[in-house]
Each structure stands twice: as C-alpha cells, then as structure tokens.
C-alpha atoms as a PDB file:
ATOM      1  CA  MET A   1      28.637 -39.038 -13.647  1.00  0.00           C
ATOM      2  CA  ALA A   2      26.745 -36.596 -14.774  1.00  0.00           C
ATOM      3  CA  LYS A   3      27.885 -32.563 -14.189  1.00  0.00           C
ATOM      4  CA  ALA A   4      26.472 -29.856 -13.168  1.00  0.00           C
ATOM      5  CA  LEU A   5      28.093 -26.680 -14.057  1.00  0.00           C
ATOM      6  CA  VAL A   6      27.267 -23.789 -11.215  1.00  0.00           C
ATOM      7  CA  PHE A   7      27.784 -20.233 -12.444  1.00  0.00           C
ATOM      8  CA  ILE A   8      29.080 -17.702  -9.465  1.00  0.00           C
ATOM      9  CA  ASP A   9      29.519 -14.117 -10.486  1.00  0.00           C
ATOM     10  CA  ASN A  10      31.846 -11.981  -8.529  1.00  0.00           C
ATOM     11  CA  PRO A  11      31.508 -14.407  -5.442  1.00  0.00           C
ATOM     12  CA  GLY A  12      33.216 -11.619  -2.939  1.00  0.00           C
ATOM     13  CA  ALA A  13      34.849 -12.074  -0.019  1.00  0.00           C
ATOM     14  CA  ALA A  14      32.677 -15.053   1.061  1.00  0.00           C
ATOM     15  CA  LEU A  15      29.910 -17.271  -0.707  1.00  0.00           C
ATOM     16  CA  LYS A  16      26.529 -16.176  -0.446  1.00  0.00           C
ATOM     17  CA  LYS A  17      23.842 -18.687   0.908  1.00  0.00           C
ATOM     18  CA  SER A  18      22.407 -18.492  -2.827  1.00  0.00           C
ATOM     19  CA  SER A  19      25.580 -19.948  -4.146  1.00  0.00           C
ATOM     20  CA  LEU A  20      25.622 -22.791  -1.678  1.00  0.00           C
ATOM     21  CA  GLU A  21      22.363 -23.848  -2.685  1.00  0.00           C
ATOM     22  CA  LEU A  22      23.348 -24.019  -6.287  1.00  0.00           C
ATOM     23  CA  LEU A  23      26.242 -26.238  -5.028  1.00  0.00           C
ATOM     24  CA  THR A  24      23.964 -28.516  -3.217  1.00  0.00           C
ATOM     25  CA  ILE A  25      21.648 -28.464  -5.862  1.00  0.00           C
ATOM     26  CA  ALA A  26      24.379 -29.339  -8.449  1.00  0.00           C
ATOM     27  CA  ARG A  27      25.672 -32.524  -5.633  1.00  0.00           C
ATOM     28  CA  SER A  28      22.501 -34.255  -5.874  1.00  0.00           C
ATOM     29  CA  LEU A  29      22.717 -34.363  -9.827  1.00  0.00           C
ATOM     30  CA  GLY A  30      26.206 -35.596 -10.307  1.00  0.00           C
ATOM     31  CA  GLU A  31      29.522 -34.021 -10.217  1.00  0.00           C
ATOM     32  CA  ALA A  32      29.781 -30.197  -9.315  1.00  0.00           C
ATOM     33  CA  VAL A  33      31.953 -28.023 -11.316  1.00  0.00           C
ATOM     34  CA  VAL A  34      31.451 -23.866 -10.921  1.00  0.00           C
ATOM     35  CA  ALA A  35      32.567 -21.342 -13.330  1.00  0.00           C
ATOM     36  CA  VAL A  36      33.477 -18.265 -11.515  1.00  0.00           C
ATOM     37  CA  ASN A  37      34.002 -14.811 -12.972  1.00  0.00           C
ATOM     38  CA  GLY A  38      35.852 -12.121 -11.006  1.00  0.00           C
ATOM     39  CA  GLU A  39      38.132 -12.206  -8.525  1.00  0.00           C
ATOM     40  CA  LEU A  40      38.540 -15.440  -6.604  1.00  0.00           C
ATOM     41  CA  HIS A  41      39.930 -15.375  -2.988  1.00  0.00           C
ATOM     42  CA  ASP A  42      41.654 -18.156  -1.214  1.00  0.00           C
ATOM     43  CA  ASP A  43      38.828 -18.816   1.143  1.00  0.00           C
ATOM     44  CA  VAL A  44      36.214 -18.621  -1.355  1.00  0.00           C
ATOM     45  CA  ALA A  45      37.951 -21.109  -3.559  1.00  0.00           C
ATOM     46  CA  ALA A  46      38.477 -23.517  -0.497  1.00  0.00           C
ATOM     47  CA  SER A  47      35.077 -22.982   0.730  1.00  0.00           C
ATOM     48  CA  LEU A  48      34.014 -24.359  -3.224  1.00  0.00           C
ATOM     49  CA  GLY A  49      35.975 -27.149  -2.571  1.00  0.00           C
ATOM     50  CA  ALA A  50      34.373 -27.899   0.632  1.00  0.00           C
ATOM     51  CA  HIS A  51      30.965 -27.799  -0.718  1.00  0.00           C
ATOM     52  CA  GLY A  52      31.902 -30.289  -3.231  1.00  0.00           C
ATOM     53  CA  ALA A  53      33.271 -28.658  -6.210  1.00  0.00           C
ATOM     54  CA  SER A  54      35.746 -30.774  -8.195  1.00  0.00           C
ATOM     55  CA  VAL A  55      37.112 -28.070 -10.703  1.00  0.00           C
ATOM     56  CA  ILE A  56      36.987 -24.536 -10.665  1.00  0.00           C
ATOM     57  CA  TYR A  57      36.507 -22.810 -14.206  1.00  0.00           C
ATOM     58  CA  ARG A  58      38.046 -19.114 -14.598  1.00  0.00           C
ATOM     59  CA  PRO A  59      37.537 -16.944 -17.677  1.00  0.00           C
ATOM     60  CA  SER A  60      40.652 -16.037 -19.725  1.00  0.00           C
ATOM     61  CA  ALA A  61      39.127 -12.571 -20.061  1.00  0.00           C
ATOM     62  CA  THR A  62      39.293 -10.312 -17.307  1.00  0.00           C
ATOM     63  CA  ASP A  63      36.796  -7.592 -18.281  1.00  0.00           C
ATOM     64  CA  LEU A  64      33.665  -9.190 -18.400  1.00  0.00           C
ATOM     65  CA  ASP A  65      32.151  -6.818 -15.716  1.00  0.00           C
ATOM     66  CA  ASP A  66      33.127  -3.947 -18.228  1.00  0.00           C
ATOM     67  CA  TYR A  67      29.984  -4.882 -20.328  1.00  0.00           C
ATOM     68  CA  LEU A  68      26.449  -6.175 -19.887  1.00  0.00           C
ATOM     69  CA  VAL A  69      25.664  -9.768 -19.872  1.00  0.00           C
ATOM     70  CA  ALA A  70      26.326 -10.837 -23.037  1.00  0.00           C
ATOM     71  CA  PRO A  71      30.061 -11.841 -22.550  1.00  0.00           C
ATOM     72  CA  LYS A  72      29.222 -14.141 -19.395  1.00  0.00           C
ATOM     73  CA  ALA A  73      26.794 -16.121 -21.443  1.00  0.00           C
ATOM     74  CA  ALA A  74      29.410 -16.826 -24.182  1.00  0.00           C
ATOM     75  CA  TYR A  75      32.338 -17.757 -21.576  1.00  0.00           C
ATOM     76  CA  LEU A  76      29.219 -20.072 -19.644  1.00  0.00           C
ATOM     77  CA  ALA A  77      28.738 -21.607 -23.183  1.00  0.00           C
ATOM     78  CA  ALA A  78      32.161 -22.215 -23.751  1.00  0.00           C
ATOM     79  CA  ALA A  79      32.442 -23.924 -20.254  1.00  0.00           C
ATOM     80  CA  VAL A  80      29.486 -25.973 -21.102  1.00  0.00           C
ATOM     81  CA  GLU A  81      31.508 -27.351 -23.925  1.00  0.00           C
ATOM     82  CA  ALA A  82      34.534 -27.792 -22.042  1.00  0.00           C
ATOM     83  CA  THR A  83      33.072 -29.779 -19.377  1.00  0.00           C
ATOM     84  CA  GLY A  84      30.401 -31.772 -21.077  1.00  0.00           C
ATOM     85  CA  ALA A  85      27.890 -30.314 -18.231  1.00  0.00           C
ATOM     86  CA  GLY A  86      23.877 -31.285 -18.811  1.00  0.00           C
ATOM     87  CA  ILE A  87      22.691 -29.028 -16.412  1.00  0.00           C
ATOM     88  CA  VAL A  88      23.750 -25.368 -15.755  1.00  0.00           C
ATOM     89  CA  LEU A  89      22.341 -23.685 -12.516  1.00  0.00           C
ATOM     90  CA  LEU A  90      22.470 -20.387 -11.894  1.00  0.00           C
ATOM     91  CA  GLU A  91      20.900 -17.729  -9.591  1.00  0.00           C
ATOM     92  CA  ASN A  92      17.316 -16.259 -10.203  1.00  0.00           C
ATOM     93  CA  THR A  93      18.417 -12.432 -10.161  1.00  0.00           C
ATOM     94  CA  ALA A  94      17.736 -10.425 -13.439  1.00  0.00           C
ATOM     95  CA  ASP A  95      21.090 -10.893 -14.742  1.00  0.00           C
ATOM     96  CA  GLY A  96      20.810 -14.463 -13.873  1.00  0.00           C
ATOM     97  CA  LYS A  97      17.718 -15.124 -16.171  1.00  0.00           C
ATOM     98  CA  GLU A  98      19.052 -12.730 -19.056  1.00  0.00           C
ATOM     99  CA  ILE A  99      22.223 -14.935 -19.029  1.00  0.00           C
ATOM    100  CA  ALA A 100      20.271 -18.146 -18.681  1.00  0.00           C
ATOM    101  CA  ALA A 101      18.068 -16.925 -22.033  1.00  0.00           C
ATOM    102  CA  ARG A 102      21.213 -16.217 -24.041  1.00  0.00           C
ATOM    103  CA  LEU A 103      22.693 -19.833 -22.963  1.00  0.00           C
ATOM    104  CA  GLY A 104      19.655 -21.485 -24.199  1.00  0.00           C
ATOM    105  CA  VAL A 105      19.993 -19.585 -27.413  1.00  0.00           C
ATOM    106  CA  LYS A 106      23.968 -20.410 -27.804  1.00  0.00           C
ATOM    107  CA  LEU A 107      23.171 -24.204 -26.926  1.00  0.00           C
ATOM    108  CA  ASN A 108      20.054 -24.610 -28.100  1.00  0.00           C
ATOM    109  CA  ALA A 109      19.153 -25.705 -24.419  1.00  0.00           C
ATOM    110  CA  GLY A 110      15.998 -25.517 -22.228  1.00  0.00           C
ATOM    111  CA  VAL A 111      16.012 -23.165 -19.935  1.00  0.00           C
ATOM    112  CA  ILE A 112      13.904 -23.483 -16.797  1.00  0.00           C
ATOM    113  CA  THR A 113      13.220 -20.070 -14.568  1.00  0.00           C
ATOM    114  CA  ASP A 114      12.443 -19.775 -11.098  1.00  0.00           C
ATOM    115  CA  VAL A 115      12.762 -23.153  -9.978  1.00  0.00           C
ATOM    116  CA  VAL A 116      12.668 -24.274  -6.304  1.00  0.00           C
ATOM    117  CA  GLY A 117      13.694 -27.554  -6.025  1.00  0.00           C
ATOM    118  CA  VAL A 118      15.365 -30.312  -8.650  1.00  0.00           C
ATOM    119  CA  ASP A 119      15.317 -33.861  -8.895  1.00  0.00           C
ATOM    120  CA  ALA A 120      18.097 -36.339  -9.019  1.00  0.00           C
ATOM    121  CA  ASP A 121      16.885 -36.859 -12.866  1.00  0.00           C
ATOM    122  CA  GLY A 122      16.858 -33.107 -13.730  1.00  0.00           C
ATOM    123  CA  THR A 123      13.033 -32.400 -13.049  1.00  0.00           C
ATOM    124  CA  ALA A 124      12.751 -28.999 -11.733  1.00  0.00           C
ATOM    125  CA  HIS A 125       9.849 -27.932  -9.567  1.00  0.00           C
ATOM    126  CA  LYS A 126       8.616 -24.013 -10.285  1.00  0.00           C
ATOM    127  CA  SER A 127       6.386 -22.290  -7.330  1.00  0.00           C
ATOM    128  CA  VAL A 128       3.769 -20.319  -9.428  1.00  0.00           C
ATOM    129  CA  LEU A 129       0.674 -18.279  -9.145  1.00  0.00           C
ATOM    130  CA  ALA A 130       1.860 -16.468  -5.708  1.00  0.00           C
ATOM    131  CA  GLY A 131       2.909 -19.777  -4.561  1.00  0.00           C
ATOM    132  CA  SER A 132      -0.471 -21.283  -4.367  1.00  0.00           C
ATOM    133  CA  TYR A 133       0.568 -24.535  -6.778  1.00  0.00           C
ATOM    134  CA  THR A 134       3.975 -26.119  -7.505  1.00  0.00           C
ATOM    135  CA  THR A 135       4.494 -27.516 -11.112  1.00  0.00           C
ATOM    136  CA  THR A 136       7.192 -29.664 -12.441  1.00  0.00           C
ATOM    137  CA  ALA A 137       9.197 -29.313 -15.550  1.00  0.00           C
ATOM    138  CA  LYS A 138      11.991 -30.972 -17.476  1.00  0.00           C
ATOM    139  CA  ALA A 139      13.980 -30.140 -20.435  1.00  0.00           C
ATOM    140  CA  ARG A 140      14.262 -32.586 -22.973  1.00  0.00           C
ATOM    141  CA  THR A 141      17.472 -31.019 -24.634  1.00  0.00           C
ATOM    142  CA  ALA A 142      21.087 -31.869 -24.116  1.00  0.00           C
ATOM    143  CA  VAL A 143      21.758 -29.395 -22.023  1.00  0.00           C
ATOM    144  CA  ALA A 144      19.032 -27.773 -19.305  1.00  0.00           C
ATOM    145  CA  VAL A 145      19.740 -24.113 -18.204  1.00  0.00           C
ATOM    146  CA  LEU A 146      17.882 -23.679 -14.700  1.00  0.00           C
ATOM    147  CA  THR A 147      17.503 -20.352 -12.711  1.00  0.00           C
ATOM    148  CA  VAL A 148      16.961 -21.160  -8.716  1.00  0.00           C
ATOM    149  CA  LYS A 149      14.914 -18.883  -6.550  1.00  0.00           C
ATOM    150  CA  PRO A 150      17.120 -17.934  -3.429  1.00  0.00           C
ATOM    151  CA  ASN A 151      16.034 -19.451   0.252  1.00  0.00           C
ATOM    152  CA  SER A 152      14.522 -22.674  -1.907  1.00  0.00           C
ATOM    153  CA  VAL A 153      17.010 -25.388  -0.795  1.00  0.00           C
ATOM    154  CA  ASP A 154      18.459 -26.603   2.408  1.00  0.00           C
ATOM    155  CA  VAL A 155      22.423 -25.923   2.431  1.00  0.00           C
ATOM    156  CA  ASP A 156      24.238 -29.360   2.970  1.00  0.00           C
ATOM    157  CA  ALA A 157      27.002 -29.174   5.577  1.00  0.00           C
ATOM    158  CA  PRO A 158      30.649 -28.915   3.846  1.00  0.00           C
ATOM    159  CA  ALA A 159      31.933 -32.235   3.051  1.00  0.00           C
ATOM    160  CA  ALA A 160      35.466 -33.480   3.523  1.00  0.00           C
ATOM    161  CA  ALA A 161      37.969 -30.786   2.709  1.00  0.00           C
ATOM    162  CA  ASN A 162      38.835 -31.092  -1.490  1.00  0.00           C
ATOM    163  CA  THR A 163      41.301 -28.880  -3.300  1.00  0.00           C
ATOM    164  CA  PRO A 164      39.440 -28.523  -6.954  1.00  0.00           C
ATOM    165  CA  GLU A 165      41.388 -28.389  -9.934  1.00  0.00           C
ATOM    166  CA  ALA A 166      41.651 -24.867 -11.653  1.00  0.00           C
ATOM    167  CA  VAL A 167      41.060 -24.274 -14.893  1.00  0.00           C
ATOM    168  CA  THR A 168      40.883 -21.364 -17.235  1.00  0.00           C
ATOM    169  CA  ILE A 169      38.204 -21.273 -20.081  1.00  0.00           C
ATOM    170  CA  ASP A 170      39.005 -19.076 -23.396  1.00  0.00           C
ATOM    171  CA  VAL A 171      36.440 -16.736 -23.633  1.00  0.00           C
ATOM    172  CA  PRO A 172      35.300 -16.247 -27.606  1.00  0.00           C
ATOM    173  CA  ALA A 173      37.571 -13.553 -28.958  1.00  0.00           C
ATOM    174  CA  ASP A 174      34.496 -11.850 -30.518  1.00  0.00           C
ATOM    175  CA  ALA A 175      32.191 -12.033 -27.232  1.00  0.00           C
ATOM    176  CA  THR A 176      32.609  -8.733 -26.587  1.00  0.00           C
ATOM    177  CA  ALA A 177      32.583  -7.072 -30.425  1.00  0.00           C
ATOM    178  CA  ASN A 178      28.994  -6.393 -30.117  1.00  0.00           C
ATOM    179  CA  ALA A 179      28.231  -6.219 -26.495  1.00  0.00           C
ATOM    180  CA  ALA A 180      27.086  -2.849 -24.759  1.00  0.00           C
ATOM    181  CA  ARG A 181      29.746  -1.461 -22.540  1.00  0.00           C
ATOM    182  CA  VAL A 182      28.993  -0.222 -18.622  1.00  0.00           C
ATOM    183  CA  THR A 183      30.396   3.530 -18.952  1.00  0.00           C
ATOM    184  CA  GLY A 184      29.939   4.331 -15.187  1.00  0.00           C
ATOM    185  CA  ARG A 185      28.802   2.437 -11.874  1.00  0.00           C
ATOM    186  CA  ALA A 186      27.587   4.177  -8.720  1.00  0.00           C
ATOM    187  CA  GLU A 187      28.461   2.117  -5.255  1.00  0.00           C
ATOM    188  CA  LYS A 188      25.212   1.965  -3.376  1.00  0.00           C
ATOM    189  CA  PRO A 189      25.795   3.408   0.301  1.00  0.00           C
ATOM    190  CA  ALA A 190      26.232   0.508   2.928  1.00  0.00           C
ATOM    191  CA  SER A 191      23.273   0.293   5.257  1.00  0.00           C
ATOM    192  CA  GLY A 192      25.349  -2.034   7.562  1.00  0.00           C
ATOM    193  CA  ARG A 193      22.579  -4.409   7.892  1.00  0.00           C
ATOM    194  CA  PRO A 194      22.487  -7.705   6.103  1.00  0.00           C
ATOM    195  CA  GLU A 195      21.705  -8.741   2.497  1.00  0.00           C
ATOM    196  CA  LEU A 196      17.623  -8.670   2.333  1.00  0.00           C
ATOM    197  CA  THR A 197      17.542 -12.229   1.072  1.00  0.00           C
ATOM    198  CA  GLU A 198      20.633 -13.523   3.389  1.00  0.00           C
ATOM    199  CA  ALA A 199      19.107 -12.490   6.717  1.00  0.00           C
ATOM    200  CA  ARG A 200      17.761 -14.156   9.574  1.00  0.00           C
ATOM    201  CA  ILE A 201      15.607 -11.760  10.503  1.00  0.00           C
ATOM    202  CA  VAL A 202      13.610  -9.588   8.183  1.00  0.00           C
ATOM    203  CA  VAL A 203      11.456  -6.619   9.713  1.00  0.00           C
ATOM    204  CA  ALA A 204       9.119  -5.441   6.656  1.00  0.00           C
ATOM    205  CA  GLY A 205       6.638  -2.662   6.393  1.00  0.00           C
ATOM    206  CA  GLY A 206       3.982  -1.963   3.928  1.00  0.00           C
ATOM    207  CA  ARG A 207       1.258   0.925   3.112  1.00  0.00           C
ATOM    208  CA  GLY A 208       0.426   0.906   7.016  1.00  0.00           C
ATOM    209  CA  VAL A 209       3.786   2.584   7.586  1.00  0.00           C
ATOM    210  CA  ASP A 210       2.147   5.231   6.000  1.00  0.00           C
ATOM    211  CA  GLY A 211       5.859   6.926   4.195  1.00  0.00           C
ATOM    212  CA  ASP A 212       7.690   6.424   7.819  1.00  0.00           C
ATOM    213  CA  PHE A 213       9.840   3.384   8.057  1.00  0.00           C
ATOM    214  CA  GLY A 214      11.720   5.123  11.286  1.00  0.00           C
ATOM    215  CA  PRO A 215      10.411   2.447  13.981  1.00  0.00           C
ATOM    216  CA  LEU A 216      11.231  -0.178  11.567  1.00  0.00           C
ATOM    217  CA  GLU A 217      14.364   0.611  11.032  1.00  0.00           C
ATOM    218  CA  GLU A 218      15.137   1.138  14.338  1.00  0.00           C
ATOM    219  CA  LEU A 219      13.796  -2.374  15.324  1.00  0.00           C
ATOM    220  CA  ALA A 220      15.781  -4.198  12.271  1.00  0.00           C
ATOM    221  CA  ASP A 221      18.894  -2.430  14.240  1.00  0.00           C
ATOM    222  CA  ALA A 222      18.058  -4.166  17.654  1.00  0.00           C
ATOM    223  CA  LEU A 223      17.555  -7.345  16.034  1.00  0.00           C
ATOM    224  CA  GLY A 224      20.632  -7.421  13.745  1.00  0.00           C
ATOM    225  CA  GLY A 225      18.134  -7.614  10.760  1.00  0.00           C
ATOM    226  CA  ALA A 226      17.356  -6.427   7.560  1.00  0.00           C
ATOM    227  CA  LEU A 227      14.529  -4.492   6.043  1.00  0.00           C
ATOM    228  CA  GLY A 228      12.001  -5.139   3.811  1.00  0.00           C
ATOM    229  CA  ALA A 229       8.993  -3.478   2.339  1.00  0.00           C
ATOM    230  CA  SER A 230       5.772  -4.729  -0.043  1.00  0.00           C
ATOM    231  CA  ARG A 231       4.966  -3.543  -3.504  1.00  0.00           C
ATOM    232  CA  ALA A 232       2.305  -0.969  -2.330  1.00  0.00           C
ATOM    233  CA  ALA A 233       5.351   0.804   0.288  1.00  0.00           C
ATOM    234  CA  THR A 234       8.045   0.459  -2.928  1.00  0.00           C
ATOM    235  CA  ASP A 235       5.551   1.880  -5.364  1.00  0.00           C
ATOM    236  CA  ALA A 236       4.363   5.094  -3.192  1.00  0.00           C
ATOM    237  CA  GLY A 237       8.237   5.759  -3.136  1.00  0.00           C
ATOM    238  CA  TRP A 238       8.347   5.449   0.332  1.00  0.00           C
ATOM    239  CA  ILE A 239      11.782   2.893   0.150  1.00  0.00           C
ATOM    240  CA  GLY A 240      13.634   1.524  -2.919  1.00  0.00           C
ATOM    241  CA  HIS A 241      12.509  -0.945  -5.071  1.00  0.00           C
ATOM    242  CA  ASP A 242      15.520  -2.963  -3.868  1.00  0.00           C
ATOM    243  CA  TYR A 243      13.797  -3.373  -0.520  1.00  0.00           C
ATOM    244  CA  GLN A 244      10.599  -5.197  -2.307  1.00  0.00           C
ATOM    245  CA  VAL A 245       9.836  -8.801  -0.689  1.00  0.00           C
ATOM    246  CA  GLY A 246       6.911 -10.510  -2.996  1.00  0.00           C
ATOM    247  CA  GLN A 247       6.182 -12.197  -6.215  1.00  0.00           C
ATOM    248  CA  THR A 248       7.765  -8.865  -8.278  1.00  0.00           C
ATOM    249  CA  GLY A 249      10.429  -8.656  -5.546  1.00  0.00           C
ATOM    250  CA  LYS A 250      12.528 -10.553  -3.546  1.00  0.00           C
ATOM    251  CA  THR A 251      11.880 -13.990  -2.141  1.00  0.00           C
ATOM    252  CA  VAL A 252      12.954 -14.471   1.617  1.00  0.00           C
ATOM    253  CA  SER A 253      13.034 -17.433   4.297  1.00  0.00           C
ATOM    254  CA  PRO A 254      14.273 -16.038   7.191  1.00  0.00           C
ATOM    255  CA  GLN A 255      14.055 -17.595  10.606  1.00  0.00           C
ATOM    256  CA  LEU A 256      11.877 -14.608  11.824  1.00  0.00           C
ATOM    257  CA  TYR A 257      10.042 -12.443   9.407  1.00  0.00           C
ATOM    258  CA  ILE A 258       8.011  -9.411  11.211  1.00  0.00           C
ATOM    259  CA  SER A 259       5.346  -8.206   9.032  1.00  0.00           C
ATOM    260  CA  ALA A 260       4.081  -4.426  10.360  1.00  0.00           C
ATOM    261  CA  GLY A 261       1.486  -2.499   8.337  1.00  0.00           C
ATOM    262  CA  ILE A 262       1.034  -5.086   5.826  1.00  0.00           C
ATOM    263  CA  SER A 263      -2.281  -6.680   4.594  1.00  0.00           C
ATOM    264  CA  GLY A 264      -0.585  -9.964   3.303  1.00  0.00           C
ATOM    265  CA  ALA A 265      -2.177  -9.957  -0.047  1.00  0.00           C
ATOM    266  CA  ILE A 266      -1.175 -12.847  -2.405  1.00  0.00           C
ATOM    267  CA  GLN A 267       2.023 -10.994  -3.923  1.00  0.00           C
ATOM    268  CA  GLN A 268       3.321 -10.637  -0.829  1.00  0.00           C
ATOM    269  CA  LYS A 269       2.872 -13.831   0.540  1.00  0.00           C
ATOM    270  CA  ALA A 270       4.430 -15.555  -2.397  1.00  0.00           C
ATOM    271  CA  GLY A 271       7.697 -13.810  -1.299  1.00  0.00           C
ATOM    272  CA  MET A 272       7.824 -14.913   2.224  1.00  0.00           C
ATOM    273  CA  GLN A 273       5.586 -17.537   3.395  1.00  0.00           C
ATOM    274  CA  THR A 274       8.296 -20.156   3.656  1.00  0.00           C
ATOM    275  CA  SER A 275       9.944 -17.946   6.522  1.00  0.00           C
ATOM    276  CA  LYS A 276      10.183 -20.000   9.631  1.00  0.00           C
ATOM    277  CA  VAL A 277       8.355 -17.733  12.149  1.00  0.00           C
ATOM    278  CA  ILE A 278       6.228 -15.138  11.012  1.00  0.00           C
ATOM    279  CA  VAL A 279       4.908 -12.495  13.207  1.00  0.00           C
ATOM    280  CA  ALA A 280       2.339  -9.733  12.176  1.00  0.00           C
ATOM    281  CA  ILE A 281       1.495  -6.857  13.332  1.00  0.00           C
ATOM    282  CA  ASN A 282      -1.864  -4.909  11.701  1.00  0.00           C
ATOM    283  CA  LYS A 283      -4.858  -2.647  13.121  1.00  0.00           C
ATOM    284  CA  ASP A 284      -6.999  -4.643  10.803  1.00  0.00           C
ATOM    285  CA  ALA A 285      -7.888  -8.057  12.198  1.00  0.00           C
ATOM    286  CA  GLU A 286      -9.150  -9.567   8.991  1.00  0.00           C
ATOM    287  CA  SER A 287      -6.098  -8.814   7.282  1.00  0.00           C
ATOM    288  CA  PRO A 288      -4.850 -11.851   5.265  1.00  0.00           C
ATOM    289  CA  ILE A 289      -1.615 -11.847   6.566  1.00  0.00           C
ATOM    290  CA  PHE A 290      -3.116 -13.619   9.874  1.00  0.00           C
ATOM    291  CA  GLU A 291      -3.590 -16.470   8.184  1.00  0.00           C
ATOM    292  CA  ILE A 292      -0.062 -17.305   8.073  1.00  0.00           C
ATOM    293  CA  ALA A 293       1.276 -15.763  10.739  1.00  0.00           C
ATOM    294  CA  ASP A 294       2.569 -17.564  13.782  1.00  0.00           C
ATOM    295  CA  PHE A 295       1.817 -14.666  16.025  1.00  0.00           C
ATOM    296  CA  GLY A 296      -0.340 -11.909  15.189  1.00  0.00           C
ATOM    297  CA  ILE A 297      -0.805  -8.341  16.975  1.00  0.00           C
ATOM    298  CA  ILE A 298      -4.071  -6.583  16.343  1.00  0.00           C
ATOM    299  CA  GLY A 299      -2.785  -3.088  16.918  1.00  0.00           C
ATOM    300  CA  ASP A 300      -1.152   0.381  15.843  1.00  0.00           C
ATOM    301  CA  LEU A 301       2.400  -0.174  14.445  1.00  0.00           C
ATOM    302  CA  PHE A 302       3.528   2.957  15.554  1.00  0.00           C
ATOM    303  CA  LYS A 303       2.668   1.864  19.163  1.00  0.00           C
ATOM    304  CA  VAL A 304       3.817  -1.626  19.020  1.00  0.00           C
ATOM    305  CA  VAL A 305       7.165  -1.683  17.402  1.00  0.00           C
ATOM    306  CA  PRO A 306       8.531   1.099  19.239  1.00  0.00           C
ATOM    307  CA  GLN A 307       7.744  -0.596  22.366  1.00  0.00           C
ATOM    308  CA  ALA A 308       9.316  -3.998  20.775  1.00  0.00           C
ATOM    309  CA  THR A 309      12.258  -2.242  20.197  1.00  0.00           C
ATOM    310  CA  GLU A 310      12.671  -0.798  23.530  1.00  0.00           C
ATOM    311  CA  GLU A 311      12.031  -4.083  25.367  1.00  0.00           C
ATOM    312  CA  ILE A 312      14.735  -5.904  22.997  1.00  0.00           C
ATOM    313  CA  LYS A 313      17.163  -3.273  23.752  1.00  0.00           C
ATOM    314  CA  LYS A 314      16.660  -3.716  27.706  1.00  0.00           C
ATOM    315  CA  ARG A 315      17.164  -7.649  27.116  1.00  0.00           C
ATOM    316  CA  LYS A 316      20.441  -6.889  24.965  1.00  0.00           C
ATOM    317  CA  GLY A 317      21.728  -4.197  27.295  1.00  0.00           C
END
C-alpha cells in the first residue's frame, strides 16, 4: 500500500482543521503516516490515530524550533527515506512552502503548491488566476511534495479508535550547522476570537470602513466569529496583514462570511468564494461582490452593521 506522509508542525493542544484535511487526503492515497515537530499531547496523538495515522514519527532533536525551516526540511527528508512515502503533504503556509521547496531539492522530488484537492493516483488540483480556473498537475518523480490550501477538503469523520506506533527519526547531525537561528520571539496579543482560517463565521471589512473596524469587531464578537480584511484595508495600515483574506492573503471557507465595505474584486473573491453563505454590505449596488453574494444589503455599513449587532445581542440575551 502506498504511503502518504503528513507533516504537522507544533500541533498544540488540539489538531487544527487544516491538519485534519491533510490526514483526510493522506487516507485517500493509501496508508497515512505523520511526522510531528514539537510537543505532542496525548489527546492529539489519540486524535491522529482516530483520523487514520498508523505511525507517528518524532524527531530525535528537540530544538528544531530554535532555527528557521532548514532543519525541519532535513528531518522530513529523513522521515521520507525511513518510511518510503511517495507523497508528502504540508500546509500551504509560508513556512510550509519553503520546507516543501527545500525538501524537493533534497529528494529530487516534484513540488506542487497551492493544491485544493488530490486524486487517488496523486494528481493534484490547483485553483489558479484567482479561482477562475482549476488545473491539474502530477509529479513524475518518485516522491511528490504537495502543499494544500486550508478549507479545501471536507474532513472525514474519525474512524475506529487506533493506537498509532511511535517512532523516532534521527535528524542529521549537520542539519543545524549552517541554519539561521531564531534569536527572539514576541507573542502576538490574543484577540479572544477564533483563528481566521478555522472560523465558522468571518466578518470582513475593506476600503469602505475608512479606517474604523470598530463596528465590525463588535459584530464579529456578537457572532463569535473572526475578523478579516481586504488587501486595501491592510495596505492602508488600518489592520494587520494577518487579517487579509484573498489571493495574496488567507483562504477562508466559513459557514457565514459577512463582507462589509468590500467591492469584491477578483483578488478578494479568490480567498472567500467557497464560503457557504455570503452576506454583502455595500453602498454601491454595482459592486462585484453582489455577483457571488447569497444576500446583499445596499446601504451604509456604519448604519447596517450596528443595527445587526444590536439585534443579534437582543436575540442572544
């Protein structure tokens, strides 16, 4: 049976949806095995087993996070050689794509990024040109390395309880010899809101907020959702780039996406058009966002959003 190796970097106290998506793809390809870096809680290990992982690999070195990604690529290369995996699956993050590139060089493997689906034979599907087209690609090398966009795959329900085997992978002694070391970290202040790519509800603002995200924050908090933004808003410095949704930002696929003051240019659509329900608020009735919205409200967001927030609070209270 073919093996698919999933890399999960610092899983934390609970597996993210994006990690479960990778495991779902891995099971469709054959035997799913997992390479983990960082602390592994018992509950997370049990969840990995429940979602199909037959083996969990851990690095012999415990200091991989003290460096940039090069040592992690070396660890993964060793894991691929030990497992004989034909496909490696990583998250489509900046780190994930750099690790994939380095792994491709080490293993002479084909690398495919921005993947939104994988067939049973390893053919990858990519969404390109801001979601206007879907293309297919398949690596001809012995090993294929794929980075998968979040919110692209429906997660399968957990299977029967399974206790995966634990195996340690020896990280090459020279993996950190010339690697750049991380000299300091600053913890990002917690907002109390869910992670943008994991949230079931997203409230996003664009140029129309004119620098004031206050009403959108109140609505997001009333709904228990995450806050997002268009590139115009982040480039203007009104909100951090971590909140950007779009082709050059994060891809989201929540149950409910509320767009306020966003025109809906193709760059923005690429990051949110798979949302289950889209509600658009904009003063301009000709805005492209209304073309894909399930519900459209033509009006001033500074009047509409506070009214919606007040009504939601009444119904909750």
